[in-house]
Amino acid sequence: MEFELYTTVDITNTKARKGDDPVMYKQYQNFMTVLQTIGMRCNPTVSTDPLITESEYFEGEKVWRFVFGIDYEQGHSLSLLNSDFNLVPFISGLDETMVFEDAVFITNGDKQNILFIEKE
């Protein structure tokens, strides 16, 4: 089972460590936050890193697309992902074009900055 994640939050997988470039380190921390939040219920399978893409969901903003799989069908659902991610903090002020009032993932409403789609 696979899901697509679209977000206006910079989740670039830089693999930067503490002591490396501070911006790259913060980008990597956001990516790790995404993986760890998904991983609260099951281990995600990652085949490609998040990529910047065009998106009809967040028109006019820079958007990161991330595809991940899960081990078994009941491991996650759109409802669980939306619930788990809502209000999880992230580091803002990186390579985003969106300005965030609060640096937290928001899964619905007019301030939404992350969206999940179940792939067929």
C-alpha atoms as a PDB file:
ATOM      1  CA  MET A   1       0.000   0.000   0.000  1.00  0.00           C
ATOM      2  CA  GLU A   2       1.354   3.425  -0.957  1.00  0.00           C
ATOM      3  CA  PHE A   3       0.524   6.992  -0.042  1.00  0.00           C
ATOM      4  CA  GLU A   4       1.470  10.332  -1.543  1.00  0.00           C
ATOM      5  CA  LEU A   5       2.161  13.262   0.735  1.00  0.00           C
ATOM      6  CA  TYR A   6       2.047  16.845  -0.565  1.00  0.00           C
ATOM      7  CA  THR A   7       3.250  19.640   1.682  1.00  0.00           C
ATOM      8  CA  THR A   8       4.299  23.261   1.545  1.00  0.00           C
ATOM      9  CA  VAL A   9       6.820  22.545   4.320  1.00  0.00           C
ATOM     10  CA  ASP A  10      10.458  22.024   3.295  1.00  0.00           C
ATOM     11  CA  ILE A  11      11.071  18.307   3.916  1.00  0.00           C
ATOM     12  CA  THR A  12      14.182  17.983   1.738  1.00  0.00           C
ATOM     13  CA  ASN A  13      16.168  14.862   2.638  1.00  0.00           C
ATOM     14  CA  THR A  14      19.627  16.431   2.845  1.00  0.00           C
ATOM     15  CA  LYS A  15      21.025  13.795   5.250  1.00  0.00           C
ATOM     16  CA  ALA A  16      22.827  16.698   6.957  1.00  0.00           C
ATOM     17  CA  ARG A  17      24.184  16.183  10.464  1.00  0.00           C
ATOM     18  CA  LYS A  18      24.636  18.585  13.336  1.00  0.00           C
ATOM     19  CA  GLY A  19      27.581  20.803  12.499  1.00  0.00           C
ATOM     20  CA  ASP A  20      26.780  20.770   8.758  1.00  0.00           C
ATOM     21  CA  ASP A  21      25.077  23.703   7.032  1.00  0.00           C
ATOM     22  CA  PRO A  22      22.343  24.870   9.486  1.00  0.00           C
ATOM     23  CA  VAL A  23      19.616  25.190   6.818  1.00  0.00           C
ATOM     24  CA  MET A  24      20.327  21.737   5.416  1.00  0.00           C
ATOM     25  CA  TYR A  25      20.305  20.306   8.944  1.00  0.00           C
ATOM     26  CA  LYS A  26      16.872  21.852   9.627  1.00  0.00           C
ATOM     27  CA  GLN A  27      15.505  20.549   6.314  1.00  0.00           C
ATOM     28  CA  TYR A  28      16.652  17.070   7.285  1.00  0.00           C
ATOM     29  CA  GLN A  29      15.043  17.420  10.721  1.00  0.00           C
ATOM     30  CA  ASN A  30      11.705  18.160   9.023  1.00  0.00           C
ATOM     31  CA  PHE A  31      12.122  15.071   6.826  1.00  0.00           C
ATOM     32  CA  MET A  32      12.887  12.964   9.901  1.00  0.00           C
ATOM     33  CA  THR A  33       9.803  14.400  11.651  1.00  0.00           C
ATOM     34  CA  VAL A  34       7.688  13.148   8.735  1.00  0.00           C
ATOM     35  CA  LEU A  35       9.256   9.667   8.850  1.00  0.00           C
ATOM     36  CA  GLN A  36       8.939   9.397  12.616  1.00  0.00           C
ATOM     37  CA  THR A  37       5.312  10.507  12.600  1.00  0.00           C
ATOM     38  CA  ILE A  38       4.457   7.918   9.947  1.00  0.00           C
ATOM     39  CA  GLY A  39       6.534   5.379  11.882  1.00  0.00           C
ATOM     40  CA  MET A  40       4.461   5.705  15.048  1.00  0.00           C
ATOM     41  CA  ARG A  41       2.079   3.101  13.576  1.00  0.00           C
ATOM     42  CA  CYS A  42       4.218   1.156  11.105  1.00  0.00           C
ATOM     43  CA  ASN A  43       7.563   1.233   9.334  1.00  0.00           C
ATOM     44  CA  PRO A  44       7.387   3.274   6.135  1.00  0.00           C
ATOM     45  CA  THR A  45       9.067   2.057   2.964  1.00  0.00           C
ATOM     46  CA  VAL A  46      10.875   4.873   1.176  1.00  0.00           C
ATOM     47  CA  SER A  47      11.913   4.429  -2.436  1.00  0.00           C
ATOM     48  CA  THR A  48      12.570   8.054  -3.405  1.00  0.00           C
ATOM     49  CA  ASP A  49      13.308  11.262  -1.555  1.00  0.00           C
ATOM     50  CA  PRO A  50      10.785  14.121  -1.435  1.00  0.00           C
ATOM     51  CA  LEU A  51      10.832  16.172  -4.633  1.00  0.00           C
ATOM     52  CA  ILE A  52       9.677  19.699  -5.369  1.00  0.00           C
ATOM     53  CA  THR A  53       6.737  19.556  -7.764  1.00  0.00           C
ATOM     54  CA  GLU A  54       3.792  21.465  -9.185  1.00  0.00           C
ATOM     55  CA  SER A  55       0.547  20.778  -7.376  1.00  0.00           C
ATOM     56  CA  GLU A  56      -3.066  21.689  -7.902  1.00  0.00           C
ATOM     57  CA  TYR A  57      -3.600  21.227  -4.170  1.00  0.00           C
ATOM     58  CA  PHE A  58      -1.412  24.166  -3.106  1.00  0.00           C
ATOM     59  CA  GLU A  59      -1.475  26.341  -6.207  1.00  0.00           C
ATOM     60  CA  GLY A  60       1.112  29.123  -6.295  1.00  0.00           C
ATOM     61  CA  GLU A  61       3.251  27.618  -3.526  1.00  0.00           C
ATOM     62  CA  LYS A  62       6.398  25.528  -3.590  1.00  0.00           C
ATOM     63  CA  VAL A  63       5.303  21.949  -2.864  1.00  0.00           C
ATOM     64  CA  TRP A  64       7.191  18.827  -1.820  1.00  0.00           C
ATOM     65  CA  ARG A  65       5.827  15.447  -2.933  1.00  0.00           C
ATOM     66  CA  PHE A  66       6.816  12.353  -1.004  1.00  0.00           C
ATOM     67  CA  VAL A  67       5.692   8.809  -1.795  1.00  0.00           C
ATOM     68  CA  PHE A  68       5.950   6.130   0.856  1.00  0.00           C
ATOM     69  CA  GLY A  69       4.692   2.614   1.333  1.00  0.00           C
ATOM     70  CA  ILE A  70       3.627   0.690   4.384  1.00  0.00           C
ATOM     71  CA  ASP A  71       4.085  -2.970   5.268  1.00  0.00           C
ATOM     72  CA  TYR A  72       0.469  -3.995   5.667  1.00  0.00           C
ATOM     73  CA  GLU A  73      -2.888  -2.578   4.627  1.00  0.00           C
ATOM     74  CA  GLN A  74      -4.249  -1.845   8.103  1.00  0.00           C
ATOM     75  CA  GLY A  75      -1.028  -0.084   9.148  1.00  0.00           C
ATOM     76  CA  HIS A  76      -2.307   3.321   8.090  1.00  0.00           C
ATOM     77  CA  SER A  77      -5.252   5.097   6.552  1.00  0.00           C
ATOM     78  CA  LEU A  78      -5.922   8.629   5.382  1.00  0.00           C
ATOM     79  CA  SER A  79      -7.862   9.243   8.574  1.00  0.00           C
ATOM     80  CA  LEU A  80      -4.990   8.052  10.783  1.00  0.00           C
ATOM     81  CA  LEU A  81      -2.371  10.033   8.852  1.00  0.00           C
ATOM     82  CA  ASN A  82      -4.454  13.206   9.074  1.00  0.00           C
ATOM     83  CA  SER A  83      -4.990  12.680  12.778  1.00  0.00           C
ATOM     84  CA  ASP A  84      -1.353  11.803  13.540  1.00  0.00           C
ATOM     85  CA  PHE A  85       0.108  14.753  11.602  1.00  0.00           C
ATOM     86  CA  ASN A  86      -2.290  17.495  12.667  1.00  0.00           C
ATOM     87  CA  LEU A  87      -0.431  20.021  14.864  1.00  0.00           C
ATOM     88  CA  VAL A  88       2.953  18.228  14.721  1.00  0.00           C
ATOM     89  CA  PRO A  89       5.620  20.963  14.881  1.00  0.00           C
ATOM     90  CA  PHE A  90       8.201  21.555  12.162  1.00  0.00           C
ATOM     91  CA  ILE A  91      10.989  24.046  11.463  1.00  0.00           C
ATOM     92  CA  SER A  92       9.869  26.887   9.193  1.00  0.00           C
ATOM     93  CA  GLY A  93      11.756  29.636   7.380  1.00  0.00           C
ATOM     94  CA  LEU A  94      13.704  27.298   5.102  1.00  0.00           C
ATOM     95  CA  ASP A  95      13.046  27.031   1.333  1.00  0.00           C
ATOM     96  CA  GLU A  96       9.258  27.396   1.526  1.00  0.00           C
ATOM     97  CA  THR A  97       7.249  30.048  -0.280  1.00  0.00           C
ATOM     98  CA  MET A  98       4.332  29.840   2.165  1.00  0.00           C
ATOM     99  CA  VAL A  99       4.458  31.892   5.349  1.00  0.00           C
ATOM    100  CA  PHE A 100       3.225  29.970   8.389  1.00  0.00           C
ATOM    101  CA  GLU A 101       1.532  31.630  11.366  1.00  0.00           C
ATOM    102  CA  ASP A 102       2.397  28.596  13.458  1.00  0.00           C
ATOM    103  CA  ALA A 103       5.088  26.083  12.545  1.00  0.00           C
ATOM    104  CA  VAL A 104       2.830  23.040  12.794  1.00  0.00           C
ATOM    105  CA  PHE A 105       1.432  20.678  10.181  1.00  0.00           C
ATOM    106  CA  ILE A 106      -2.245  21.398   9.513  1.00  0.00           C
ATOM    107  CA  THR A 107      -4.187  18.659   7.753  1.00  0.00           C
ATOM    108  CA  ASN A 108      -7.427  20.500   6.948  1.00  0.00           C
ATOM    109  CA  GLY A 109      -9.065  23.889   6.624  1.00  0.00           C
ATOM    110  CA  ASP A 110      -7.887  27.099   5.011  1.00  0.00           C
ATOM    111  CA  LYS A 111      -4.438  26.902   6.651  1.00  0.00           C
ATOM    112  CA  GLN A 112      -3.806  23.331   5.470  1.00  0.00           C
ATOM    113  CA  ASN A 113      -0.146  22.712   4.600  1.00  0.00           C
ATOM    114  CA  ILE A 114      -0.045  18.923   4.208  1.00  0.00           C
ATOM    115  CA  LEU A 115      -2.231  16.521   2.232  1.00  0.00           C
ATOM    116  CA  PHE A 116      -2.270  12.726   1.965  1.00  0.00           C
ATOM    117  CA  ILE A 117      -3.556  10.692  -0.964  1.00  0.00           C
ATOM    118  CA  GLU A 118      -3.857   6.911  -1.035  1.00  0.00           C
ATOM    119  CA  LYS A 119      -2.372   5.536  -4.252  1.00  0.00           C
ATOM    120  CA  GLU A 120      -4.350   2.943  -6.161  1.00  0.00           C
END
